[in-house]
Amino acid sequence: MFYHLLKYVLLGPLLRLVFRPRIEGLEHVPSSGAAIVAGNHLSFSDHFLMPAILKRRITFLAKAEYFTGPGIKGRLTAFFFRSAGQIPVDRSGKDAGQAAIREGLGVLGKGELLGIYPEGTRSHDGRLYKGKVGVAVMALKAGVPVIPCAMIGTFEAQPPGKVLPRIHPVVIRFGRPLDFSRYAGLEDEKAILRAVTDEIMYTILSLSEQEYVDQYAAVAKVEDAERKAAQKRRLPRMPLN
């Protein structure tokens, strides 16, 4: 109930009014049946804009930190994500990926839409990073199509660290469904999973026209932070008067 209240009364109309997103290829999203919508992830706003424009309900696998934050802000965020039907996924530990796959397959098993960001985290610099193979595992195990999606302009509207988004043109572009039925039964083959994931990411890249980096986003974030910290340490200190 709260999901539909947000979508049609509280949040959806406001997002459409403020951002006026241009939607392309919405006809590629099936009107019924299970499917995975795999997109790039540029901004916190992505969580709200895509569900607002889809005709069907979509469930995202959301990081567990959204459900465990401290204070009033944390409780409100957790309430929002739970009420909107989003599923918390613990991304720490060796079993984190398997837990996410189980949750995703549960959504697909009910004939619903599952939203996933194959990069695993938001891009910190607006570029597209290497996809994790969990999306391929779910697509092959569930035998469902993957609809690629590109969010364009959301990084400029709400880059990392910015609490309130600014008004900026946004385009949400869907591509033709990708059919991987030719790989049925091969979900345990690492080479196949990598090939499927790379095809998905290449299609997203074609839609978004981002710069691609053949590296996982989480690793790139750490390296970038370390590089900036090292540069800061090397800066000469000004003499005190």
C-alpha atoms as a PDB file:
ATOM      1  CA  MET A   1       0.000   0.000   0.000  1.00  0.00           C
ATOM      2  CA  PHE A   2       2.769   2.436   0.949  1.00  0.00           C
ATOM      3  CA  TYR A   3       4.587   1.642  -2.309  1.00  0.00           C
ATOM      4  CA  HIS A   4       1.591   2.753  -4.364  1.00  0.00           C
ATOM      5  CA  LEU A   5       1.059   5.790  -2.118  1.00  0.00           C
ATOM      6  CA  LEU A   6       4.634   6.888  -2.800  1.00  0.00           C
ATOM      7  CA  LYS A   7       4.475   6.127  -6.505  1.00  0.00           C
ATOM      8  CA  TYR A   8       1.149   7.731  -7.370  1.00  0.00           C
ATOM      9  CA  VAL A   9       0.513  10.342  -4.660  1.00  0.00           C
ATOM     10  CA  LEU A  10       3.533  11.453  -2.629  1.00  0.00           C
ATOM     11  CA  LEU A  11       6.814  11.012  -4.487  1.00  0.00           C
ATOM     12  CA  GLY A  12       6.110  10.008  -8.073  1.00  0.00           C
ATOM     13  CA  PRO A  13       4.238  13.148  -9.182  1.00  0.00           C
ATOM     14  CA  LEU A  14       6.821  15.370  -7.451  1.00  0.00           C
ATOM     15  CA  LEU A  15       9.738  13.663  -9.201  1.00  0.00           C
ATOM     16  CA  ARG A  16       8.040  13.930 -12.572  1.00  0.00           C
ATOM     17  CA  LEU A  17       7.301  17.608 -11.980  1.00  0.00           C
ATOM     18  CA  VAL A  18      10.795  18.544 -10.799  1.00  0.00           C
ATOM     19  CA  PHE A  19      12.957  16.424 -13.118  1.00  0.00           C
ATOM     20  CA  ARG A  20      10.572  16.006 -16.065  1.00  0.00           C
ATOM     21  CA  PRO A  21      12.485  12.868 -17.107  1.00  0.00           C
ATOM     22  CA  ARG A  22      12.481  11.919 -20.774  1.00  0.00           C
ATOM     23  CA  ILE A  23      11.652   8.236 -21.118  1.00  0.00           C
ATOM     24  CA  GLU A  24      12.911   6.201 -24.053  1.00  0.00           C
ATOM     25  CA  GLY A  25      12.212   2.541 -24.846  1.00  0.00           C
ATOM     26  CA  LEU A  26       9.632   1.951 -22.118  1.00  0.00           C
ATOM     27  CA  GLU A  27       7.920  -0.496 -24.477  1.00  0.00           C
ATOM     28  CA  HIS A  28      10.844  -2.886 -23.925  1.00  0.00           C
ATOM     29  CA  VAL A  29       9.783  -3.493 -20.314  1.00  0.00           C
ATOM     30  CA  PRO A  30       7.333  -6.451 -20.355  1.00  0.00           C
ATOM     31  CA  SER A  31       3.844  -5.764 -19.044  1.00  0.00           C
ATOM     32  CA  SER A  32       3.811  -9.067 -17.160  1.00  0.00           C
ATOM     33  CA  GLY A  33       6.098 -11.899 -16.154  1.00  0.00           C
ATOM     34  CA  ALA A  34       9.459 -12.024 -14.421  1.00  0.00           C
ATOM     35  CA  ALA A  35      12.366  -9.983 -15.748  1.00  0.00           C
ATOM     36  CA  ILE A  36      15.512  -8.278 -14.534  1.00  0.00           C
ATOM     37  CA  VAL A  37      16.025  -4.572 -15.129  1.00  0.00           C
ATOM     38  CA  ALA A  38      19.795  -4.003 -15.005  1.00  0.00           C
ATOM     39  CA  GLY A  39      21.011  -0.428 -14.966  1.00  0.00           C
ATOM     40  CA  ASN A  40      23.941   1.848 -14.337  1.00  0.00           C
ATOM     41  CA  HIS A  41      24.039   3.508 -10.928  1.00  0.00           C
ATOM     42  CA  LEU A  42      25.040   7.158 -10.791  1.00  0.00           C
ATOM     43  CA  SER A  43      23.044   8.671  -7.964  1.00  0.00           C
ATOM     44  CA  PHE A  44      20.884   8.054  -4.914  1.00  0.00           C
ATOM     45  CA  SER A  45      18.052   9.511  -7.024  1.00  0.00           C
ATOM     46  CA  ASP A  46      18.142   6.424  -9.259  1.00  0.00           C
ATOM     47  CA  HIS A  47      16.301   4.474  -6.536  1.00  0.00           C
ATOM     48  CA  PHE A  48      13.266   6.717  -6.957  1.00  0.00           C
ATOM     49  CA  LEU A  49      13.208   7.929 -10.541  1.00  0.00           C
ATOM     50  CA  MET A  50      13.091   4.544 -12.279  1.00  0.00           C
ATOM     51  CA  PRO A  51      10.263   3.104 -10.112  1.00  0.00           C
ATOM     52  CA  ALA A  52       8.344   6.359 -10.529  1.00  0.00           C
ATOM     53  CA  ILE A  53       8.141   6.047 -14.308  1.00  0.00           C
ATOM     54  CA  LEU A  54       7.603   2.286 -14.629  1.00  0.00           C
ATOM     55  CA  LYS A  55       4.053   1.069 -15.033  1.00  0.00           C
ATOM     56  CA  ARG A  56       4.824  -2.071 -13.003  1.00  0.00           C
ATOM     57  CA  ARG A  57       6.158  -2.437  -9.505  1.00  0.00           C
ATOM     58  CA  ILE A  58       9.881  -3.133  -9.322  1.00  0.00           C
ATOM     59  CA  THR A  59      11.810  -4.491  -6.342  1.00  0.00           C
ATOM     60  CA  PHE A  60      15.437  -3.529  -5.848  1.00  0.00           C
ATOM     61  CA  LEU A  61      18.095  -5.284  -3.858  1.00  0.00           C
ATOM     62  CA  ALA A  62      19.249  -2.452  -1.571  1.00  0.00           C
ATOM     63  CA  LYS A  63      22.367  -2.388   0.572  1.00  0.00           C
ATOM     64  CA  ALA A  64      21.722  -3.303   4.202  1.00  0.00           C
ATOM     65  CA  GLU A  65      23.193   0.008   5.404  1.00  0.00           C
ATOM     66  CA  TYR A  66      20.003   1.740   4.267  1.00  0.00           C
ATOM     67  CA  PHE A  67      18.121  -0.274   6.870  1.00  0.00           C
ATOM     68  CA  THR A  68      20.518   0.042   9.800  1.00  0.00           C
ATOM     69  CA  GLY A  69      21.466   3.723   9.909  1.00  0.00           C
ATOM     70  CA  PRO A  70      21.591   5.460  13.313  1.00  0.00           C
ATOM     71  CA  GLY A  71      19.361   8.218  14.624  1.00  0.00           C
ATOM     72  CA  ILE A  72      16.111   9.633  13.304  1.00  0.00           C
ATOM     73  CA  LYS A  73      17.440   9.865   9.750  1.00  0.00           C
ATOM     74  CA  GLY A  74      18.432   6.198   9.822  1.00  0.00           C
ATOM     75  CA  ARG A  75      15.063   5.088  11.124  1.00  0.00           C
ATOM     76  CA  LEU A  76      13.204   7.149   8.534  1.00  0.00           C
ATOM     77  CA  THR A  77      15.381   5.773   5.725  1.00  0.00           C
ATOM     78  CA  ALA A  78      14.828   2.195   6.920  1.00  0.00           C
ATOM     79  CA  PHE A  79      11.071   2.775   7.164  1.00  0.00           C
ATOM     80  CA  PHE A  80      10.972   4.190   3.667  1.00  0.00           C
ATOM     81  CA  PHE A  81      12.891   1.336   2.053  1.00  0.00           C
ATOM     82  CA  ARG A  82      10.952  -1.372   3.904  1.00  0.00           C
ATOM     83  CA  SER A  83       7.618   0.238   3.111  1.00  0.00           C
ATOM     84  CA  ALA A  84       8.594   0.539  -0.551  1.00  0.00           C
ATOM     85  CA  GLY A  85       9.224  -3.214  -0.653  1.00  0.00           C
ATOM     86  CA  GLN A  86      12.988  -3.031  -1.120  1.00  0.00           C
ATOM     87  CA  ILE A  87      15.100  -5.957   0.090  1.00  0.00           C
ATOM     88  CA  PRO A  88      18.139  -5.424   2.343  1.00  0.00           C
ATOM     89  CA  VAL A  89      21.275  -7.252   1.282  1.00  0.00           C
ATOM     90  CA  ASP A  90      24.368  -7.563   3.455  1.00  0.00           C
ATOM     91  CA  ARG A  91      27.324  -6.912   1.151  1.00  0.00           C
ATOM     92  CA  SER A  92      29.978  -7.957   3.673  1.00  0.00           C
ATOM     93  CA  GLY A  93      31.372 -11.458   4.095  1.00  0.00           C
ATOM     94  CA  LYS A  94      31.924 -14.291   1.654  1.00  0.00           C
ATOM     95  CA  ASP A  95      28.250 -15.350   1.634  1.00  0.00           C
ATOM     96  CA  ALA A  96      26.897 -11.880   0.799  1.00  0.00           C
ATOM     97  CA  GLY A  97      26.662 -12.567  -2.941  1.00  0.00           C
ATOM     98  CA  GLN A  98      24.787 -15.820  -2.429  1.00  0.00           C
ATOM     99  CA  ALA A  99      22.305 -14.117  -0.106  1.00  0.00           C
ATOM    100  CA  ALA A 100      21.594 -11.464  -2.731  1.00  0.00           C
ATOM    101  CA  ILE A 101      21.080 -14.120  -5.395  1.00  0.00           C
ATOM    102  CA  ARG A 102      18.633 -16.043  -3.189  1.00  0.00           C
ATOM    103  CA  GLU A 103      16.614 -12.896  -2.524  1.00  0.00           C
ATOM    104  CA  GLY A 104      16.604 -11.933  -6.197  1.00  0.00           C
ATOM    105  CA  LEU A 105      15.499 -15.389  -7.319  1.00  0.00           C
ATOM    106  CA  GLY A 106      12.664 -15.198  -4.798  1.00  0.00           C
ATOM    107  CA  VAL A 107      11.371 -12.024  -6.451  1.00  0.00           C
ATOM    108  CA  LEU A 108      11.680 -13.496  -9.940  1.00  0.00           C
ATOM    109  CA  GLY A 109      10.011 -16.717  -8.807  1.00  0.00           C
ATOM    110  CA  LYS A 110       6.878 -14.678  -8.088  1.00  0.00           C
ATOM    111  CA  GLY A 111       6.808 -13.360 -11.651  1.00  0.00           C
ATOM    112  CA  GLU A 112       7.878  -9.856 -10.665  1.00  0.00           C
ATOM    113  CA  LEU A 113      10.378  -7.268 -11.877  1.00  0.00           C
ATOM    114  CA  LEU A 114      13.747  -7.237 -10.156  1.00  0.00           C
ATOM    115  CA  GLY A 115      15.950  -4.169 -10.306  1.00  0.00           C
ATOM    116  CA  ILE A 116      19.693  -4.553  -9.951  1.00  0.00           C
ATOM    117  CA  TYR A 117      22.814  -2.468 -10.436  1.00  0.00           C
ATOM    118  CA  PRO A 118      25.490  -4.885 -11.717  1.00  0.00           C
ATOM    119  CA  GLU A 119      28.288  -2.484 -10.720  1.00  0.00           C
ATOM    120  CA  GLY A 120      27.404  -3.220  -7.092  1.00  0.00           C
ATOM    121  CA  THR A 121      27.649   0.390  -5.924  1.00  0.00           C
ATOM    122  CA  ARG A 122      27.218   3.925  -7.168  1.00  0.00           C
ATOM    123  CA  SER A 123      29.798   5.318  -9.558  1.00  0.00           C
ATOM    124  CA  HIS A 124      31.870   7.927  -7.723  1.00  0.00           C
ATOM    125  CA  ASP A 125      32.961   9.736 -10.879  1.00  0.00           C
ATOM    126  CA  GLY A 126      30.182   9.207 -13.423  1.00  0.00           C
ATOM    127  CA  ARG A 127      31.966   6.438 -15.344  1.00  0.00           C
ATOM    128  CA  LEU A 128      30.628   2.910 -15.923  1.00  0.00           C
ATOM    129  CA  TYR A 129      32.483   0.140 -14.132  1.00  0.00           C
ATOM    130  CA  LYS A 130      32.857  -3.622 -14.519  1.00  0.00           C
ATOM    131  CA  GLY A 131      29.745  -5.633 -13.658  1.00  0.00           C
ATOM    132  CA  LYS A 132      29.548  -8.364 -11.041  1.00  0.00           C
ATOM    133  CA  VAL A 133      28.322 -11.747 -12.262  1.00  0.00           C
ATOM    134  CA  GLY A 134      25.378 -12.059  -9.848  1.00  0.00           C
ATOM    135  CA  VAL A 135      23.056 -10.606 -12.479  1.00  0.00           C
ATOM    136  CA  ALA A 136      24.107 -13.368 -14.892  1.00  0.00           C
ATOM    137  CA  VAL A 137      23.573 -16.099 -12.293  1.00  0.00           C
ATOM    138  CA  MET A 138      20.028 -14.909 -11.619  1.00  0.00           C
ATOM    139  CA  ALA A 139      19.175 -14.474 -15.296  1.00  0.00           C
ATOM    140  CA  LEU A 140      20.314 -18.016 -16.150  1.00  0.00           C
ATOM    141  CA  LYS A 141      18.886 -19.736 -13.075  1.00  0.00           C
ATOM    142  CA  ALA A 142      15.504 -18.042 -13.392  1.00  0.00           C
ATOM    143  CA  GLY A 143      15.466 -18.203 -17.189  1.00  0.00           C
ATOM    144  CA  VAL A 144      14.320 -14.587 -17.502  1.00  0.00           C
ATOM    145  CA  PRO A 145      15.217 -11.750 -19.895  1.00  0.00           C
ATOM    146  CA  VAL A 146      17.407  -8.838 -18.855  1.00  0.00           C
ATOM    147  CA  ILE A 147      16.244  -5.344 -19.784  1.00  0.00           C
ATOM    148  CA  PRO A 148      19.219  -2.941 -19.873  1.00  0.00           C
ATOM    149  CA  CYS A 149      18.593   0.536 -18.546  1.00  0.00           C
ATOM    150  CA  ALA A 150      20.649   3.723 -18.652  1.00  0.00           C
ATOM    151  CA  MET A 151      20.136   6.600 -16.252  1.00  0.00           C
ATOM    152  CA  ILE A 152      21.492   9.766 -17.846  1.00  0.00           C
ATOM    153  CA  GLY A 153      21.870  13.061 -15.988  1.00  0.00           C
ATOM    154  CA  THR A 154      21.273  11.792 -12.452  1.00  0.00           C
ATOM    155  CA  PHE A 155      24.982  12.105 -11.582  1.00  0.00           C
ATOM    156  CA  GLU A 156      24.819  15.820 -12.381  1.00  0.00           C
ATOM    157  CA  ALA A 157      21.492  16.159 -10.550  1.00  0.00           C
ATOM    158  CA  GLN A 158      22.724  14.494  -7.361  1.00  0.00           C
ATOM    159  CA  PRO A 159      26.399  13.517  -7.302  1.00  0.00           C
ATOM    160  CA  PRO A 160      27.813  11.547  -4.349  1.00  0.00           C
ATOM    161  CA  GLY A 161      27.769  13.592  -1.145  1.00  0.00           C
ATOM    162  CA  LYS A 162      24.978  15.931  -2.239  1.00  0.00           C
ATOM    163  CA  VAL A 163      21.934  15.522   0.001  1.00  0.00           C
ATOM    164  CA  LEU A 164      19.365  17.438  -2.027  1.00  0.00           C
ATOM    165  CA  PRO A 165      19.239  17.014  -5.810  1.00  0.00           C
ATOM    166  CA  ARG A 166      19.323  19.987  -8.131  1.00  0.00           C
ATOM    167  CA  ILE A 167      17.186  20.381 -11.202  1.00  0.00           C
ATOM    168  CA  HIS A 168      18.951  18.884 -14.196  1.00  0.00           C
ATOM    169  CA  PRO A 169      17.660  17.180 -17.375  1.00  0.00           C
ATOM    170  CA  VAL A 170      17.302  13.438 -16.872  1.00  0.00           C
ATOM    171  CA  VAL A 171      16.859  10.704 -19.468  1.00  0.00           C
ATOM    172  CA  ILE A 172      15.854   7.146 -18.606  1.00  0.00           C
ATOM    173  CA  ARG A 173      16.573   4.849 -21.533  1.00  0.00           C
ATOM    174  CA  PHE A 174      15.584   1.167 -21.801  1.00  0.00           C
ATOM    175  CA  GLY A 175      17.056  -1.214 -24.338  1.00  0.00           C
ATOM    176  CA  ARG A 176      15.681  -4.331 -25.976  1.00  0.00           C
ATOM    177  CA  PRO A 177      15.430  -7.384 -23.690  1.00  0.00           C
ATOM    178  CA  LEU A 178      18.504  -9.582 -23.720  1.00  0.00           C
ATOM    179  CA  ASP A 179      17.772 -13.298 -24.058  1.00  0.00           C
ATOM    180  CA  PHE A 180      20.318 -15.686 -22.566  1.00  0.00           C
ATOM    181  CA  SER A 181      18.315 -18.894 -22.906  1.00  0.00           C
ATOM    182  CA  ARG A 182      21.128 -20.295 -25.073  1.00  0.00           C
ATOM    183  CA  TYR A 183      23.162 -20.608 -21.878  1.00  0.00           C
ATOM    184  CA  ALA A 184      20.512 -22.494 -19.892  1.00  0.00           C
ATOM    185  CA  GLY A 185      22.057 -24.903 -17.401  1.00  0.00           C
ATOM    186  CA  LEU A 186      25.491 -23.236 -17.556  1.00  0.00           C
ATOM    187  CA  GLU A 187      25.089 -20.912 -14.573  1.00  0.00           C
ATOM    188  CA  ASP A 188      28.034 -22.595 -12.820  1.00  0.00           C
ATOM    189  CA  GLU A 189      30.461 -21.924 -15.676  1.00  0.00           C
ATOM    190  CA  LYS A 190      32.602 -18.911 -14.760  1.00  0.00           C
ATOM    191  CA  ALA A 191      33.460 -18.071 -18.358  1.00  0.00           C
ATOM    192  CA  ILE A 192      29.779 -18.076 -19.347  1.00  0.00           C
ATOM    193  CA  LEU A 193      28.816 -15.866 -16.388  1.00  0.00           C
ATOM    194  CA  ARG A 194      31.544 -13.391 -17.291  1.00  0.00           C
ATOM    195  CA  ALA A 195      30.472 -13.341 -20.934  1.00  0.00           C
ATOM    196  CA  VAL A 196      26.805 -12.753 -20.041  1.00  0.00           C
ATOM    197  CA  THR A 197      27.675 -10.003 -17.573  1.00  0.00           C
ATOM    198  CA  ASP A 198      29.975  -8.279 -20.059  1.00  0.00           C
ATOM    199  CA  GLU A 199      27.246  -8.363 -22.709  1.00  0.00           C
ATOM    200  CA  ILE A 200      24.836  -6.729 -20.271  1.00  0.00           C
ATOM    201  CA  MET A 201      27.370  -4.046 -19.340  1.00  0.00           C
ATOM    202  CA  TYR A 202      28.262  -3.389 -22.987  1.00  0.00           C
ATOM    203  CA  THR A 203      24.589  -2.846 -23.780  1.00  0.00           C
ATOM    204  CA  ILE A 204      24.195  -0.468 -20.839  1.00  0.00           C
ATOM    205  CA  LEU A 205      27.312   1.344 -22.072  1.00  0.00           C
ATOM    206  CA  SER A 206      25.807   1.689 -25.551  1.00  0.00           C
ATOM    207  CA  LEU A 207      22.662   3.210 -24.030  1.00  0.00           C
ATOM    208  CA  SER A 208      24.366   5.532 -21.554  1.00  0.00           C
ATOM    209  CA  GLU A 209      27.418   6.547 -23.662  1.00  0.00           C
ATOM    210  CA  GLN A 210      29.525   6.692 -20.499  1.00  0.00           C
ATOM    211  CA  GLU A 211      33.250   6.137 -20.317  1.00  0.00           C
ATOM    212  CA  TYR A 212      33.919   2.497 -19.368  1.00  0.00           C
ATOM    213  CA  VAL A 213      36.466   1.312 -16.802  1.00  0.00           C
ATOM    214  CA  ASP A 214      37.371  -2.386 -16.723  1.00  0.00           C
ATOM    215  CA  GLN A 215      37.600  -2.437 -12.941  1.00  0.00           C
ATOM    216  CA  TYR A 216      35.137  -2.966 -10.102  1.00  0.00           C
ATOM    217  CA  ALA A 217      33.681   0.305  -8.816  1.00  0.00           C
ATOM    218  CA  ALA A 218      34.325  -0.490  -5.149  1.00  0.00           C
ATOM    219  CA  VAL A 219      38.026  -1.074  -5.856  1.00  0.00           C
ATOM    220  CA  ALA A 220      38.276   2.105  -7.913  1.00  0.00           C
ATOM    221  CA  LYS A 221      36.686   4.124  -5.090  1.00  0.00           C
ATOM    222  CA  VAL A 222      39.248   2.924  -2.581  1.00  0.00           C
ATOM    223  CA  GLU A 223      42.160   3.553  -4.938  1.00  0.00           C
ATOM    224  CA  ASP A 224      40.878   7.037  -5.753  1.00  0.00           C
ATOM    225  CA  ALA A 225      40.483   7.889  -2.063  1.00  0.00           C
ATOM    226  CA  GLU A 226      43.997   6.619  -1.307  1.00  0.00           C
ATOM    227  CA  ARG A 227      45.423   8.614  -4.205  1.00  0.00           C
ATOM    228  CA  LYS A 228      43.770  11.822  -2.992  1.00  0.00           C
ATOM    229  CA  ALA A 229      44.950  11.207   0.565  1.00  0.00           C
ATOM    230  CA  ALA A 230      48.530  10.672  -0.670  1.00  0.00           C
ATOM    231  CA  GLN A 231      48.419  13.873  -2.708  1.00  0.00           C
ATOM    232  CA  LYS A 232      47.134  15.789   0.300  1.00  0.00           C
ATOM    233  CA  ARG A 233      49.992  14.492   2.449  1.00  0.00           C
ATOM    234  CA  ARG A 234      52.537  15.606  -0.161  1.00  0.00           C
ATOM    235  CA  LEU A 235      51.291  19.194  -0.276  1.00  0.00           C
ATOM    236  CA  PRO A 236      53.801  21.554   1.395  1.00  0.00           C
ATOM    237  CA  ARG A 237      52.672  23.245   4.545  1.00  0.00           C
ATOM    238  CA  MET A 238      52.613  27.029   4.586  1.00  0.00           C
ATOM    239  CA  PRO A 239      54.929  28.559   7.234  1.00  0.00           C
ATOM    240  CA  LEU A 240      53.232  30.025  10.245  1.00  0.00           C
ATOM    241  CA  ASN A 241      53.820  33.700  10.975  1.00  0.00           C
END
